[in-house]
Amino acid sequence: MMPDDELLRLLHDDCPFGDPTTAGLGIADVPAAATLTACDPMTVCGVEAAARMFELAGARVRRPTSSGATVAAGTVLLEATGSGGALHRSYKVAQ
């Protein structure tokens, strides 16, 4: 698992001056949900770090899978709810 300070650094590096898309769309405070799913059969890796990244941005997370699990295409890896700003800030880096 990556330490919180490293995850925060990755988030900051992606949007050091805020997220212009979030600001432009006006979604910062809009309630939102995100679901990350497996596109193909895979062995899950890094889902704990991705979940923590969403949490550090202010989202609530449900993680039905863990790293090391072998899953089929379409399996839900992570679900996050929170503000549009929190989710948009996190999803690119969490992927």
PDB file of N, CA and C in Angstrom:
ATOM      1  N   MET A   1       0.845  -1.188   0.000  1.00  0.00           N
ATOM      2  CA  MET A   1       0.000   0.000   0.000  1.00  0.00           C
ATOM      3  C   MET A   1       0.884   1.243   0.000  1.00  0.00           C
ATOM      4  N   MET A   2       0.507   2.208  -0.810  1.00  0.00           N
ATOM      5  CA  MET A   2       1.255   3.459  -0.870  1.00  0.00           C
ATOM      6  C   MET A   2       0.863   4.357   0.301  1.00  0.00           C
ATOM      7  N   PRO A   3       1.823   5.088   0.863  1.00  0.00           N
ATOM      8  CA  PRO A   3       1.492   6.002   1.958  1.00  0.00           C
ATOM      9  C   PRO A   3       0.640   7.179   1.471  1.00  0.00           C
ATOM     10  N   ASP A   4      -0.164   7.722   2.391  1.00  0.00           N
ATOM     11  CA  ASP A   4      -1.063   8.821   2.041  1.00  0.00           C
ATOM     12  C   ASP A   4      -0.332  10.002   1.415  1.00  0.00           C
ATOM     13  N   ASP A   5       0.860  10.344   1.918  1.00  0.00           N
ATOM     14  CA  ASP A   5       1.559  11.506   1.368  1.00  0.00           C
ATOM     15  C   ASP A   5       1.933  11.299  -0.099  1.00  0.00           C
ATOM     16  N   GLU A   6       2.236  10.065  -0.473  1.00  0.00           N
ATOM     17  CA  GLU A   6       2.546   9.776  -1.880  1.00  0.00           C
ATOM     18  C   GLU A   6       1.278   9.849  -2.742  1.00  0.00           C
ATOM     19  N   LEU A   7       0.169   9.329  -2.239  1.00  0.00           N
ATOM     20  CA  LEU A   7      -1.094   9.408  -2.974  1.00  0.00           C
ATOM     21  C   LEU A   7      -1.531  10.863  -3.137  1.00  0.00           C
ATOM     22  N   LEU A   8      -1.376  11.661  -2.094  1.00  0.00           N
ATOM     23  CA  LEU A   8      -1.709  13.088  -2.187  1.00  0.00           C
ATOM     24  C   LEU A   8      -0.808  13.803  -3.189  1.00  0.00           C
ATOM     25  N   ARG A   9       0.465  13.407  -3.233  1.00  0.00           N
ATOM     26  CA  ARG A   9       1.388  14.004  -4.207  1.00  0.00           C
ATOM     27  C   ARG A   9       0.942  13.697  -5.634  1.00  0.00           C
ATOM     28  N   LEU A  10       0.517  12.470  -5.877  1.00  0.00           N
ATOM     29  CA  LEU A  10       0.039  12.103  -7.210  1.00  0.00           C
ATOM     30  C   LEU A  10      -1.201  12.907  -7.592  1.00  0.00           C
ATOM     31  N   LEU A  11      -2.120  13.074  -6.651  1.00  0.00           N
ATOM     32  CA  LEU A  11      -3.312  13.888  -6.916  1.00  0.00           C
ATOM     33  C   LEU A  11      -2.929  15.332  -7.219  1.00  0.00           C
ATOM     34  N   HIS A  12      -2.017  15.870  -6.428  1.00  0.00           N
ATOM     35  CA  HIS A  12      -1.584  17.253  -6.634  1.00  0.00           C
ATOM     36  C   HIS A  12      -0.868  17.413  -7.973  1.00  0.00           C
ATOM     37  N   ASP A  13      -0.021  16.455  -8.332  1.00  0.00           N
ATOM     38  CA  ASP A  13       0.709  16.529  -9.597  1.00  0.00           C
ATOM     39  C   ASP A  13      -0.234  16.551 -10.798  1.00  0.00           C
ATOM     40  N   ASP A  14      -1.366  15.861 -10.696  1.00  0.00           N
ATOM     41  CA  ASP A  14      -2.318  15.815 -11.806  1.00  0.00           C
ATOM     42  C   ASP A  14      -3.060  17.144 -11.967  1.00  0.00           C
ATOM     43  N   CYS A  15      -3.366  17.805 -10.868  1.00  0.00           N
ATOM     44  CA  CYS A  15      -4.126  19.071 -10.900  1.00  0.00           C
ATOM     45  C   CYS A  15      -3.527  20.057  -9.896  1.00  0.00           C
ATOM     46  N   PRO A  16      -2.322  20.570 -10.158  1.00  0.00           N
ATOM     47  CA  PRO A  16      -1.670  21.429  -9.163  1.00  0.00           C
ATOM     48  C   PRO A  16      -2.386  22.751  -8.907  1.00  0.00           C
ATOM     49  N   PHE A  17      -3.183  23.209  -9.846  1.00  0.00           N
ATOM     50  CA  PHE A  17      -3.864  24.498  -9.692  1.00  0.00           C
ATOM     51  C   PHE A  17      -5.382  24.343  -9.719  1.00  0.00           C
ATOM     52  N   GLY A  18      -5.868  23.162  -9.309  1.00  0.00           N
ATOM     53  CA  GLY A  18      -7.290  22.880  -9.394  1.00  0.00           C
ATOM     54  C   GLY A  18      -7.602  22.202 -10.714  1.00  0.00           C
ATOM     55  N   ASP A  19      -8.803  21.729 -10.843  1.00  0.00           N
ATOM     56  CA  ASP A  19      -9.217  20.998 -12.043  1.00  0.00           C
ATOM     57  C   ASP A  19     -10.070  21.900 -12.923  1.00  0.00           C
ATOM     58  N   PRO A  20      -9.548  22.354 -14.064  1.00  0.00           N
ATOM     59  CA  PRO A  20     -10.315  23.261 -14.916  1.00  0.00           C
ATOM     60  C   PRO A  20     -11.595  22.642 -15.482  1.00  0.00           C
ATOM     61  N   THR A  21     -11.621  21.339 -15.694  1.00  0.00           N
ATOM     62  CA  THR A  21     -12.837  20.691 -16.197  1.00  0.00           C
ATOM     63  C   THR A  21     -13.939  20.752 -15.152  1.00  0.00           C
ATOM     64  N   THR A  22     -13.597  20.446 -13.914  1.00  0.00           N
ATOM     65  CA  THR A  22     -14.580  20.522 -12.829  1.00  0.00           C
ATOM     66  C   THR A  22     -15.118  21.936 -12.695  1.00  0.00           C
ATOM     67  N   ALA A  23     -14.224  22.913 -12.732  1.00  0.00           N
ATOM     68  CA  ALA A  23     -14.647  24.316 -12.621  1.00  0.00           C
ATOM     69  C   ALA A  23     -15.502  24.724 -13.816  1.00  0.00           C
ATOM     70  N   GLY A  24     -15.083  24.354 -15.017  1.00  0.00           N
ATOM     71  CA  GLY A  24     -15.803  24.731 -16.229  1.00  0.00           C
ATOM     72  C   GLY A  24     -17.188  24.133 -16.318  1.00  0.00           C
ATOM     73  N   LEU A  25     -17.328  22.909 -15.845  1.00  0.00           N
ATOM     74  CA  LEU A  25     -18.626  22.237 -15.874  1.00  0.00           C
ATOM     75  C   LEU A  25     -19.485  22.583 -14.657  1.00  0.00           C
ATOM     76  N   GLY A  26     -18.890  23.191 -13.651  1.00  0.00           N
ATOM     77  CA  GLY A  26     -19.632  23.539 -12.448  1.00  0.00           C
ATOM     78  C   GLY A  26     -20.091  22.334 -11.652  1.00  0.00           C
ATOM     79  N   ILE A  27     -19.280  21.275 -11.624  1.00  0.00           N
ATOM     80  CA  ILE A  27     -19.693  20.036 -10.954  1.00  0.00           C
ATOM     81  C   ILE A  27     -19.037  19.830  -9.599  1.00  0.00           C
ATOM     82  N   ALA A  28     -18.307  20.805  -9.109  1.00  0.00           N
ATOM     83  CA  ALA A  28     -17.539  20.630  -7.871  1.00  0.00           C
ATOM     84  C   ALA A  28     -18.396  20.130  -6.716  1.00  0.00           C
ATOM     85  N   ASP A  29     -19.598  20.665  -6.564  1.00  0.00           N
ATOM     86  CA  ASP A  29     -20.440  20.305  -5.422  1.00  0.00           C
ATOM     87  C   ASP A  29     -21.651  19.446  -5.788  1.00  0.00           C
ATOM     88  N   VAL A  30     -21.709  18.972  -7.021  1.00  0.00           N
ATOM     89  CA  VAL A  30     -22.825  18.148  -7.470  1.00  0.00           C
ATOM     90  C   VAL A  30     -22.624  16.714  -6.963  1.00  0.00           C
ATOM     91  N   PRO A  31     -23.623  16.102  -6.314  1.00  0.00           N
ATOM     92  CA  PRO A  31     -23.481  14.701  -5.882  1.00  0.00           C
ATOM     93  C   PRO A  31     -23.227  13.796  -7.096  1.00  0.00           C
ATOM     94  N   ALA A  32     -22.305  12.860  -6.922  1.00  0.00           N
ATOM     95  CA  ALA A  32     -21.920  12.016  -8.048  1.00  0.00           C
ATOM     96  C   ALA A  32     -21.541  10.617  -7.563  1.00  0.00           C
ATOM     97  N   ALA A  33     -21.454   9.700  -8.517  1.00  0.00           N
ATOM     98  CA  ALA A  33     -21.030   8.325  -8.234  1.00  0.00           C
ATOM     99  C   ALA A  33     -20.134   7.852  -9.367  1.00  0.00           C
ATOM    100  N   ALA A  34     -19.183   7.011  -9.035  1.00  0.00           N
ATOM    101  CA  ALA A  34     -18.285   6.428 -10.038  1.00  0.00           C
ATOM    102  C   ALA A  34     -18.157   4.941  -9.760  1.00  0.00           C
ATOM    103  N   THR A  35     -18.124   4.163 -10.820  1.00  0.00           N
ATOM    104  CA  THR A  35     -17.923   2.724 -10.708  1.00  0.00           C
ATOM    105  C   THR A  35     -16.776   2.335 -11.622  1.00  0.00           C
ATOM    106  N   LEU A  36     -15.747   1.716 -11.061  1.00  0.00           N
ATOM    107  CA  LEU A  36     -14.628   1.210 -11.846  1.00  0.00           C
ATOM    108  C   LEU A  36     -14.825  -0.280 -12.015  1.00  0.00           C
ATOM    109  N   THR A  37     -14.824  -0.743 -13.257  1.00  0.00           N
ATOM    110  CA  THR A  37     -15.052  -2.156 -13.560  1.00  0.00           C
ATOM    111  C   THR A  37     -13.917  -2.712 -14.406  1.00  0.00           C
ATOM    112  N   ALA A  38     -13.759  -4.011 -14.367  1.00  0.00           N
ATOM    113  CA  ALA A  38     -12.765  -4.696 -15.193  1.00  0.00           C
ATOM    114  C   ALA A  38     -13.279  -4.758 -16.633  1.00  0.00           C
ATOM    115  N   CYS A  39     -12.480  -4.287 -17.554  1.00  0.00           N
ATOM    116  CA  CYS A  39     -12.867  -4.346 -18.973  1.00  0.00           C
ATOM    117  C   CYS A  39     -12.663  -5.740 -19.551  1.00  0.00           C
ATOM    118  N   ASP A  40     -11.711  -6.463 -19.026  1.00  0.00           N
ATOM    119  CA  ASP A  40     -11.367  -7.802 -19.491  1.00  0.00           C
ATOM    120  C   ASP A  40     -11.115  -8.675 -18.260  1.00  0.00           C
ATOM    121  N   PRO A  41     -11.023  -9.997 -18.445  1.00  0.00           N
ATOM    122  CA  PRO A  41     -10.592 -10.831 -17.325  1.00  0.00           C
ATOM    123  C   PRO A  41      -9.220 -10.343 -16.855  1.00  0.00           C
ATOM    124  N   MET A  42      -9.016 -10.308 -15.540  1.00  0.00           N
ATOM    125  CA  MET A  42      -7.765  -9.736 -15.047  1.00  0.00           C
ATOM    126  C   MET A  42      -7.474 -10.204 -13.632  1.00  0.00           C
ATOM    127  N   THR A  43      -6.232  -9.974 -13.219  1.00  0.00           N
ATOM    128  CA  THR A  43      -5.852 -10.076 -11.820  1.00  0.00           C
ATOM    129  C   THR A  43      -5.809  -8.658 -11.287  1.00  0.00           C
ATOM    130  N   VAL A  44      -6.567  -8.390 -10.251  1.00  0.00           N
ATOM    131  CA  VAL A  44      -6.696  -7.041  -9.690  1.00  0.00           C
ATOM    132  C   VAL A  44      -5.385  -6.639  -9.020  1.00  0.00           C
ATOM    133  N   CYS A  45      -5.004  -5.380  -9.252  1.00  0.00           N
ATOM    134  CA  CYS A  45      -3.780  -4.852  -8.663  1.00  0.00           C
ATOM    135  C   CYS A  45      -3.975  -3.378  -8.334  1.00  0.00           C
ATOM    136  N   GLY A  46      -3.642  -2.976  -7.128  1.00  0.00           N
ATOM    137  CA  GLY A  46      -3.644  -1.569  -6.760  1.00  0.00           C
ATOM    138  C   GLY A  46      -4.990  -0.983  -6.383  1.00  0.00           C
ATOM    139  N   VAL A  47      -6.013  -1.804  -6.224  1.00  0.00           N
ATOM    140  CA  VAL A  47      -7.351  -1.275  -5.937  1.00  0.00           C
ATOM    141  C   VAL A  47      -7.412  -0.626  -4.554  1.00  0.00           C
ATOM    142  N   GLU A  48      -6.597  -1.080  -3.606  1.00  0.00           N
ATOM    143  CA  GLU A  48      -6.571  -0.460  -2.284  1.00  0.00           C
ATOM    144  C   GLU A  48      -6.037   0.972  -2.362  1.00  0.00           C
ATOM    145  N   ALA A  49      -4.985   1.180  -3.144  1.00  0.00           N
ATOM    146  CA  ALA A  49      -4.428   2.523  -3.315  1.00  0.00           C
ATOM    147  C   ALA A  49      -5.420   3.427  -4.051  1.00  0.00           C
ATOM    148  N   ALA A  50      -6.093   2.882  -5.052  1.00  0.00           N
ATOM    149  CA  ALA A  50      -7.096   3.672  -5.782  1.00  0.00           C
ATOM    150  C   ALA A  50      -8.230   4.081  -4.847  1.00  0.00           C
ATOM    151  N   ALA A  51      -8.699   3.151  -4.019  1.00  0.00           N
ATOM    152  CA  ALA A  51      -9.774   3.459  -3.070  1.00  0.00           C
ATOM    153  C   ALA A  51      -9.333   4.542  -2.093  1.00  0.00           C
ATOM    154  N   ARG A  52      -8.128   4.427  -1.581  1.00  0.00           N
ATOM    155  CA  ARG A  52      -7.626   5.427  -0.627  1.00  0.00           C
ATOM    156  C   ARG A  52      -7.490   6.794  -1.298  1.00  0.00           C
ATOM    157  N   MET A  53      -7.110   6.815  -2.569  1.00  0.00           N
ATOM    158  CA  MET A  53      -7.000   8.084  -3.285  1.00  0.00           C
ATOM    159  C   MET A  53      -8.356   8.783  -3.359  1.00  0.00           C
ATOM    160  N   PHE A  54      -9.406   8.027  -3.665  1.00  0.00           N
ATOM    161  CA  PHE A  54     -10.756   8.595  -3.667  1.00  0.00           C
ATOM    162  C   PHE A  54     -11.119   9.124  -2.279  1.00  0.00           C
ATOM    163  N   GLU A  55     -10.793   8.363  -1.243  1.00  0.00           N
ATOM    164  CA  GLU A  55     -11.097   8.794   0.125  1.00  0.00           C
ATOM    165  C   GLU A  55     -10.361  10.081   0.478  1.00  0.00           C
ATOM    166  N   LEU A  56      -9.103  10.169   0.112  1.00  0.00           N
ATOM    167  CA  LEU A  56      -8.320  11.374   0.407  1.00  0.00           C
ATOM    168  C   LEU A  56      -8.876  12.606  -0.297  1.00  0.00           C
ATOM    169  N   ALA A  57      -9.552  12.392  -1.424  1.00  0.00           N
ATOM    170  CA  ALA A  57     -10.174  13.506  -2.150  1.00  0.00           C
ATOM    171  C   ALA A  57     -11.547  13.850  -1.578  1.00  0.00           C
ATOM    172  N   GLY A  58     -12.041  13.043  -0.622  1.00  0.00           N
ATOM    173  CA  GLY A  58     -13.308  13.347   0.022  1.00  0.00           C
ATOM    174  C   GLY A  58     -14.469  12.446  -0.347  1.00  0.00           C
ATOM    175  N   ALA A  59     -14.216  11.375  -1.069  1.00  0.00           N
ATOM    176  CA  ALA A  59     -15.291  10.462  -1.481  1.00  0.00           C
ATOM    177  C   ALA A  59     -15.443   9.313  -0.485  1.00  0.00           C
ATOM    178  N   ARG A  60     -16.595   8.666  -0.522  1.00  0.00           N
ATOM    179  CA  ARG A  60     -16.850   7.437   0.218  1.00  0.00           C
ATOM    180  C   ARG A  60     -16.681   6.279  -0.769  1.00  0.00           C
ATOM    181  N   VAL A  61     -16.090   5.193  -0.303  1.00  0.00           N
ATOM    182  CA  VAL A  61     -15.720   4.106  -1.218  1.00  0.00           C
ATOM    183  C   VAL A  61     -16.248   2.771  -0.721  1.00  0.00           C
ATOM    184  N   ARG A  62     -16.686   1.965  -1.692  1.00  0.00           N
ATOM    185  CA  ARG A  62     -16.991   0.547  -1.453  1.00  0.00           C
ATOM    186  C   ARG A  62     -16.079  -0.225  -2.391  1.00  0.00           C
ATOM    187  N   ARG A  63     -15.339  -1.172  -1.843  1.00  0.00           N
ATOM    188  CA  ARG A  63     -14.368  -1.934  -2.635  1.00  0.00           C
ATOM    189  C   ARG A  63     -14.661  -3.417  -2.481  1.00  0.00           C
ATOM    190  N   PRO A  64     -15.429  -3.988  -3.428  1.00  0.00           N
ATOM    191  CA  PRO A  64     -15.810  -5.393  -3.304  1.00  0.00           C
ATOM    192  C   PRO A  64     -14.712  -6.388  -3.700  1.00  0.00           C
ATOM    193  N   THR A  65     -13.595  -5.905  -4.234  1.00  0.00           N
ATOM    194  CA  THR A  65     -12.505  -6.794  -4.627  1.00  0.00           C
ATOM    195  C   THR A  65     -11.212  -6.324  -3.957  1.00  0.00           C
ATOM    196  N   SER A  66     -10.230  -7.182  -3.958  1.00  0.00           N
ATOM    197  CA  SER A  66      -8.913  -6.867  -3.394  1.00  0.00           C
ATOM    198  C   SER A  66      -7.832  -7.215  -4.396  1.00  0.00           C
ATOM    199  N   SER A  67      -6.679  -6.587  -4.243  1.00  0.00           N
ATOM    200  CA  SER A  67      -5.537  -6.936  -5.093  1.00  0.00           C
ATOM    201  C   SER A  67      -5.243  -8.422  -4.967  1.00  0.00           C
ATOM    202  N   GLY A  68      -4.903  -9.018  -6.087  1.00  0.00           N
ATOM    203  CA  GLY A  68      -4.614 -10.450  -6.126  1.00  0.00           C
ATOM    204  C   GLY A  68      -5.784 -11.297  -6.582  1.00  0.00           C
ATOM    205  N   ALA A  69      -6.998 -10.742  -6.526  1.00  0.00           N
ATOM    206  CA  ALA A  69      -8.179 -11.492  -6.959  1.00  0.00           C
ATOM    207  C   ALA A  69      -8.184 -11.614  -8.486  1.00  0.00           C
ATOM    208  N   THR A  70      -8.602 -12.745  -8.983  1.00  0.00           N
ATOM    209  CA  THR A  70      -8.799 -12.942 -10.415  1.00  0.00           C
ATOM    210  C   THR A  70     -10.282 -12.724 -10.681  1.00  0.00           C
ATOM    211  N   VAL A  71     -10.599 -11.797 -11.607  1.00  0.00           N
ATOM    212  CA  VAL A  71     -11.998 -11.437 -11.851  1.00  0.00           C
ATOM    213  C   VAL A  71     -12.319 -11.513 -13.341  1.00  0.00           C
ATOM    214  N   ALA A  72     -13.601 -11.631 -13.622  1.00  0.00           N
ATOM    215  CA  ALA A  72     -14.100 -11.663 -14.999  1.00  0.00           C
ATOM    216  C   ALA A  72     -14.348 -10.240 -15.493  1.00  0.00           C
ATOM    217  N   ALA A  73     -14.440 -10.103 -16.794  1.00  0.00           N
ATOM    218  CA  ALA A  73     -14.811  -8.811 -17.384  1.00  0.00           C
ATOM    219  C   ALA A  73     -16.145  -8.371 -16.797  1.00  0.00           C
ATOM    220  N   GLY A  74     -16.262  -7.094 -16.489  1.00  0.00           N
ATOM    221  CA  GLY A  74     -17.500  -6.551 -15.945  1.00  0.00           C
ATOM    222  C   GLY A  74     -17.576  -6.559 -14.427  1.00  0.00           C
ATOM    223  N   THR A  75     -16.610  -7.162 -13.760  1.00  0.00           N
ATOM    224  CA  THR A  75     -16.602  -7.190 -12.297  1.00  0.00           C
ATOM    225  C   THR A  75     -16.372  -5.787 -11.743  1.00  0.00           C
ATOM    226  N   VAL A  76     -17.171  -5.407 -10.765  1.00  0.00           N
ATOM    227  CA  VAL A  76     -16.983  -4.111 -10.109  1.00  0.00           C
ATOM    228  C   VAL A  76     -15.748  -4.193  -9.220  1.00  0.00           C
ATOM    229  N   LEU A  77     -14.815  -3.265  -9.442  1.00  0.00           N
ATOM    230  CA  LEU A  77     -13.590  -3.205  -8.651  1.00  0.00           C
ATOM    231  C   LEU A  77     -13.706  -2.216  -7.508  1.00  0.00           C
ATOM    232  N   LEU A  78     -14.441  -1.127  -7.767  1.00  0.00           N
ATOM    233  CA  LEU A  78     -14.527  -0.048  -6.795  1.00  0.00           C
ATOM    234  C   LEU A  78     -15.726   0.816  -7.132  1.00  0.00           C
ATOM    235  N   GLU A  79     -16.440   1.260  -6.114  1.00  0.00           N
ATOM    236  CA  GLU A  79     -17.525   2.226  -6.289  1.00  0.00           C
ATOM    237  C   GLU A  79     -17.247   3.387  -5.345  1.00  0.00           C
ATOM    238  N   ALA A  80     -17.387   4.608  -5.848  1.00  0.00           N
ATOM    239  CA  ALA A  80     -17.145   5.795  -5.030  1.00  0.00           C
ATOM    240  C   ALA A  80     -18.319   6.755  -5.173  1.00  0.00           C
ATOM    241  N   THR A  81     -18.669   7.402  -4.074  1.00  0.00           N
ATOM    242  CA  THR A  81     -19.703   8.431  -4.091  1.00  0.00           C
ATOM    243  C   THR A  81     -19.152   9.657  -3.381  1.00  0.00           C
ATOM    244  N   GLY A  82     -19.624  10.806  -3.823  1.00  0.00           N
ATOM    245  CA  GLY A  82     -19.189  12.063  -3.230  1.00  0.00           C
ATOM    246  C   GLY A  82     -19.497  13.198  -4.182  1.00  0.00           C
ATOM    247  N   SER A  83     -18.802  14.283  -4.005  1.00  0.00           N
ATOM    248  CA  SER A  83     -19.009  15.424  -4.902  1.00  0.00           C
ATOM    249  C   SER A  83     -18.382  15.137  -6.261  1.00  0.00           C
ATOM    250  N   GLY A  84     -18.938  15.767  -7.280  1.00  0.00           N
ATOM    251  CA  GLY A  84     -18.371  15.633  -8.616  1.00  0.00           C
ATOM    252  C   GLY A  84     -16.910  16.059  -8.638  1.00  0.00           C
ATOM    253  N   GLY A  85     -16.579  17.080  -7.868  1.00  0.00           N
ATOM    254  CA  GLY A  85     -15.196  17.545  -7.802  1.00  0.00           C
ATOM    255  C   GLY A  85     -14.260  16.493  -7.236  1.00  0.00           C
ATOM    256  N   ALA A  86     -14.674  15.841  -6.154  1.00  0.00           N
ATOM    257  CA  ALA A  86     -13.835  14.812  -5.533  1.00  0.00           C
ATOM    258  C   ALA A  86     -13.625  13.635  -6.482  1.00  0.00           C
ATOM    259  N   LEU A  87     -14.690  13.212  -7.141  1.00  0.00           N
ATOM    260  CA  LEU A  87     -14.580  12.058  -8.034  1.00  0.00           C
ATOM    261  C   LEU A  87     -13.783  12.394  -9.278  1.00  0.00           C
ATOM    262  N   HIS A  88     -14.042  13.553  -9.858  1.00  0.00           N
ATOM    263  CA  HIS A  88     -13.328  13.928 -11.078  1.00  0.00           C
ATOM    264  C   HIS A  88     -11.848  14.131 -10.797  1.00  0.00           C
ATOM    265  N   ARG A  89     -11.531  14.664  -9.624  1.00  0.00           N
ATOM    266  CA  ARG A  89     -10.149  14.892  -9.244  1.00  0.00           C
ATOM    267  C   ARG A  89      -9.391  13.567  -9.117  1.00  0.00           C
ATOM    268  N   SER A  90     -10.071  12.516  -8.730  1.00  0.00           N
ATOM    269  CA  SER A  90      -9.418  11.259  -8.395  1.00  0.00           C
ATOM    270  C   SER A  90      -9.389  10.207  -9.493  1.00  0.00           C
ATOM    271  N   TYR A  91     -10.416  10.179 -10.333  1.00  0.00           N
ATOM    272  CA  TYR A  91     -10.582   8.992 -11.179  1.00  0.00           C
ATOM    273  C   TYR A  91      -9.428   8.767 -12.155  1.00  0.00           C
ATOM    274  N   LYS A  92      -8.894   9.835 -12.743  1.00  0.00           N
ATOM    275  CA  LYS A  92      -7.807   9.654 -13.724  1.00  0.00           C
ATOM    276  C   LYS A  92      -6.579   9.034 -13.077  1.00  0.00           C
ATOM    277  N   VAL A  93      -6.213   9.563 -11.931  1.00  0.00           N
ATOM    278  CA  VAL A  93      -5.015   9.065 -11.245  1.00  0.00           C
ATOM    279  C   VAL A  93      -5.265   7.677 -10.670  1.00  0.00           C
ATOM    280  N   ALA A  94      -6.463   7.437 -10.159  1.00  0.00           N
ATOM    281  CA  ALA A  94      -6.800   6.145  -9.560  1.00  0.00           C
ATOM    282  C   ALA A  94      -6.782   5.018 -10.588  1.00  0.00           C
ATOM    283  N   GLN A  95      -7.057   5.330 -11.837  1.00  0.00           N
ATOM    284  CA  GLN A  95      -7.049   4.283 -12.856  1.00  0.00           C
ATOM    285  C   GLN A  95      -5.681   3.690 -13.015  1.00  0.00           C
TER     286      GLN A  95
END
